Amino acid sequence: MEETLSDVKSELIKCVNGKKVAIVGIGNLEKGDDGFGVLLTERLKTRLKNTALFECGTAPENYLGPIIRSNPQVLLVLDAANLRAEPGHVHILEAKEIADLGLSTHDSSLNLFIKFLRHELKEVDIFLVCMQPKNTDFGKCISKELEKHLSELEKILVEMLS
């Protein structure tokens, strides 16, 4: 859907459009760029006081209860995904697109997670905000490419949701 971060910002504005938002960060901080979702959610916690934020790591299903109780109208799921693009490239998908594409590094659990949320929160709009990782090897730090784009995406989300 997106090629530039200004396109990402425009698409996120359309997705959010003044609605009650919750953000779910998925990933493994010990596997370099795979930790994108958790790292961004962690950073947002200090800057977004009126948004429900969940650092789910690799087990988002463990946070279903709190996410459902937050009763969002829009759920943004932040995750690393193999987009077959340049590292740091951001792409936004609607939940219904996720199962068909198999992009996330956490495919099976993410699909079940989303199906359950859609069953419990019938009116929620769910979007996957994914970023192309450079390196997901165990013991690696986040790459410079992802750090740059992660910081820019953080600014966009703070501006939109503050």
Protein backbone atom coordinates (compact mmCIF):
# COMPACT_ATOMS: atom_id res chain seq x y z
CA MET A 1 0.00 0.00 0.00
CA GLU A 2 2.81 2.44 0.86
CA GLU A 3 6.09 3.47 -0.75
CA THR A 4 7.16 6.50 1.31
CA LEU A 5 6.71 7.51 4.92
CA SER A 6 4.52 10.43 3.84
CA ASP A 7 2.28 7.84 2.13
CA VAL A 8 2.36 5.80 5.36
CA LYS A 9 1.31 8.88 7.32
CA SER A 10 -1.58 9.56 4.94
CA GLU A 11 -2.74 5.95 5.11
CA LEU A 12 -2.50 5.87 8.93
CA ILE A 13 -4.55 9.06 9.15
CA LYS A 14 -7.26 7.35 7.05
CA CYS A 15 -7.10 4.24 9.25
CA VAL A 16 -7.26 6.10 12.56
CA ASN A 17 -9.50 9.05 11.61
CA GLY A 18 -10.15 10.24 15.19
CA LYS A 19 -11.08 6.79 16.51
CA LYS A 20 -10.04 5.11 19.76
CA VAL A 21 -6.76 3.32 19.00
CA ALA A 22 -4.81 0.52 20.64
CA ILE A 23 -1.31 -0.46 19.54
CA VAL A 24 0.10 -3.97 19.77
CA GLY A 25 3.85 -4.47 19.37
CA ILE A 26 4.97 -7.93 18.30
CA GLY A 27 8.50 -9.29 17.94
CA ASN A 28 11.60 -10.63 19.61
CA LEU A 29 14.07 -7.99 20.85
CA GLU A 30 16.84 -10.62 20.92
CA LYS A 31 16.55 -11.14 17.16
CA GLY A 32 17.61 -7.76 15.78
CA ASP A 33 15.04 -6.18 13.50
CA ASP A 34 12.39 -8.73 14.49
CA GLY A 35 11.95 -6.61 17.64
CA PHE A 36 10.65 -3.62 15.63
CA GLY A 37 7.07 -3.82 16.95
CA VAL A 38 8.01 -4.22 20.60
CA LEU A 39 10.70 -1.54 20.45
CA LEU A 40 8.39 1.03 18.84
CA THR A 41 5.60 0.26 21.32
CA GLU A 42 8.05 0.61 24.21
CA ARG A 43 9.11 4.05 22.94
CA LEU A 44 5.51 5.16 22.44
CA LYS A 45 4.61 4.33 26.06
CA THR A 46 6.46 7.39 27.29
CA ARG A 47 4.84 9.66 24.70
CA LEU A 48 1.23 8.48 24.27
CA LYS A 49 -0.70 8.64 27.52
CA ASN A 50 -4.22 8.21 26.08
CA THR A 51 -3.55 5.23 23.82
CA ALA A 52 -3.65 1.61 24.99
CA LEU A 53 -0.22 0.12 24.24
CA PHE A 54 0.72 -3.55 24.52
CA GLU A 55 4.27 -4.90 24.25
CA CYS A 56 3.38 -8.49 23.37
CA GLY A 57 6.73 -9.93 22.39
CA THR A 58 6.27 -13.22 20.56
CA ALA A 59 3.06 -14.20 22.38
CA PRO A 60 0.31 -11.69 21.53
CA GLU A 61 -2.31 -14.24 22.57
CA ASN A 62 -1.27 -13.66 26.20
CA TYR A 63 -2.60 -10.09 25.92
CA LEU A 64 -6.02 -10.84 24.45
CA GLY A 65 -7.92 -10.01 27.66
CA PRO A 66 -6.36 -6.57 28.21
CA ILE A 67 -6.64 -5.71 24.52
CA ILE A 68 -10.33 -6.66 24.44
CA ARG A 69 -10.98 -4.69 27.66
CA SER A 70 -9.38 -1.60 26.09
CA ASN A 71 -12.22 -1.83 23.51
CA PRO A 72 -10.45 -0.09 20.61
CA GLN A 73 -12.14 0.99 17.41
CA VAL A 74 -8.82 0.61 15.59
CA LEU A 75 -6.03 -1.82 16.42
CA LEU A 76 -2.59 -1.19 14.94
CA VAL A 77 -0.39 -4.29 15.07
CA LEU A 78 3.30 -3.41 14.68
CA ASP A 79 5.45 -6.28 13.40
CA ALA A 80 8.46 -7.12 11.25
CA ALA A 81 7.44 -8.77 7.98
CA ASN A 82 9.13 -10.11 4.89
CA LEU A 83 7.85 -7.64 2.33
CA ARG A 84 10.56 -8.50 -0.20
CA ALA A 85 11.55 -4.83 -0.04
CA GLU A 86 14.40 -2.66 1.16
CA PRO A 87 15.11 -2.80 4.92
CA GLY A 88 12.97 -0.25 6.75
CA HIS A 89 10.22 -0.23 4.12
CA VAL A 90 6.83 0.17 5.82
CA HIS A 91 3.61 -1.38 4.53
CA ILE A 92 0.09 -1.27 5.98
CA LEU A 93 -2.30 -4.18 5.52
CA GLU A 94 -5.87 -4.70 6.61
CA ALA A 95 -6.37 -7.75 8.83
CA LYS A 96 -8.22 -9.65 6.13
CA GLU A 97 -5.15 -9.42 3.86
CA ILE A 98 -2.74 -10.85 6.43
CA ALA A 99 -3.81 -14.50 6.35
CA ASP A 100 -3.52 -14.68 2.58
CA LEU A 101 -0.05 -13.19 2.25
CA GLY A 102 2.03 -14.95 4.91
CA LEU A 103 4.30 -11.95 5.48
CA SER A 104 4.77 -11.79 9.23
CA THR A 105 7.60 -13.54 11.01
CA HIS A 106 4.88 -14.74 13.45
CA ASP A 107 2.30 -15.94 10.91
CA SER A 108 0.32 -18.71 12.57
CA SER A 109 -0.05 -17.15 16.00
CA LEU A 110 -0.78 -13.75 14.45
CA ASN A 111 -3.57 -15.16 12.28
CA LEU A 112 -5.22 -16.87 15.27
CA PHE A 113 -4.76 -13.74 17.38
CA ILE A 114 -6.50 -11.58 14.77
CA LYS A 115 -9.33 -14.09 14.22
CA PHE A 116 -10.04 -14.16 17.95
CA LEU A 117 -9.99 -10.35 18.24
CA ARG A 118 -12.32 -9.99 15.26
CA HIS A 119 -14.70 -12.46 16.91
CA GLU A 120 -14.66 -10.60 20.25
CA LEU A 121 -14.48 -7.03 18.95
CA LYS A 122 -16.87 -7.13 16.04
CA GLU A 123 -16.54 -3.44 15.15
CA VAL A 124 -12.74 -3.14 15.39
CA ASP A 125 -10.66 -2.28 12.33
CA ILE A 126 -7.34 -4.13 12.50
CA PHE A 127 -4.29 -3.04 10.53
CA LEU A 128 -0.82 -4.58 10.40
CA VAL A 129 1.87 -1.92 10.22
CA CYS A 130 4.84 -3.95 9.10
CA MET A 131 8.44 -3.07 8.45
CA GLN A 132 10.90 -5.01 6.31
CA PRO A 133 13.72 -6.32 8.54
CA LYS A 134 17.36 -6.43 7.47
CA ASN A 135 18.59 -8.96 10.00
CA THR A 136 16.64 -11.23 12.33
CA ASP A 137 19.56 -13.33 13.58
CA PHE A 138 19.62 -14.14 17.28
CA GLY A 139 21.84 -11.80 19.32
CA LYS A 140 21.85 -8.98 16.78
CA CYS A 141 20.88 -5.36 17.47
CA ILE A 142 18.40 -3.41 15.42
CA SER A 143 19.92 -2.32 12.09
CA LYS A 144 20.69 1.31 11.26
CA GLU A 145 18.15 1.19 8.43
CA LEU A 146 15.34 0.12 10.73
CA GLU A 147 16.36 2.51 13.49
CA LYS A 148 16.04 5.46 11.10
CA HIS A 149 12.61 4.45 9.82
CA LEU A 150 11.42 3.37 13.27
CA SER A 151 12.20 6.85 14.64
CA GLU A 152 10.32 8.48 11.76
CA LEU A 153 7.32 6.19 12.26
CA GLU A 154 7.40 6.99 15.99
CA LYS A 155 7.13 10.72 15.19
CA ILE A 156 4.20 10.09 12.84
CA LEU A 157 2.28 8.05 15.42
CA VAL A 158 2.93 10.55 18.22
CA GLU A 159 1.78 13.44 16.03
CA MET A 160 -1.40 11.58 15.04
CA LEU A 161 -2.36 10.17 18.44
CA SER A 162 -1.33 12.93 20.88
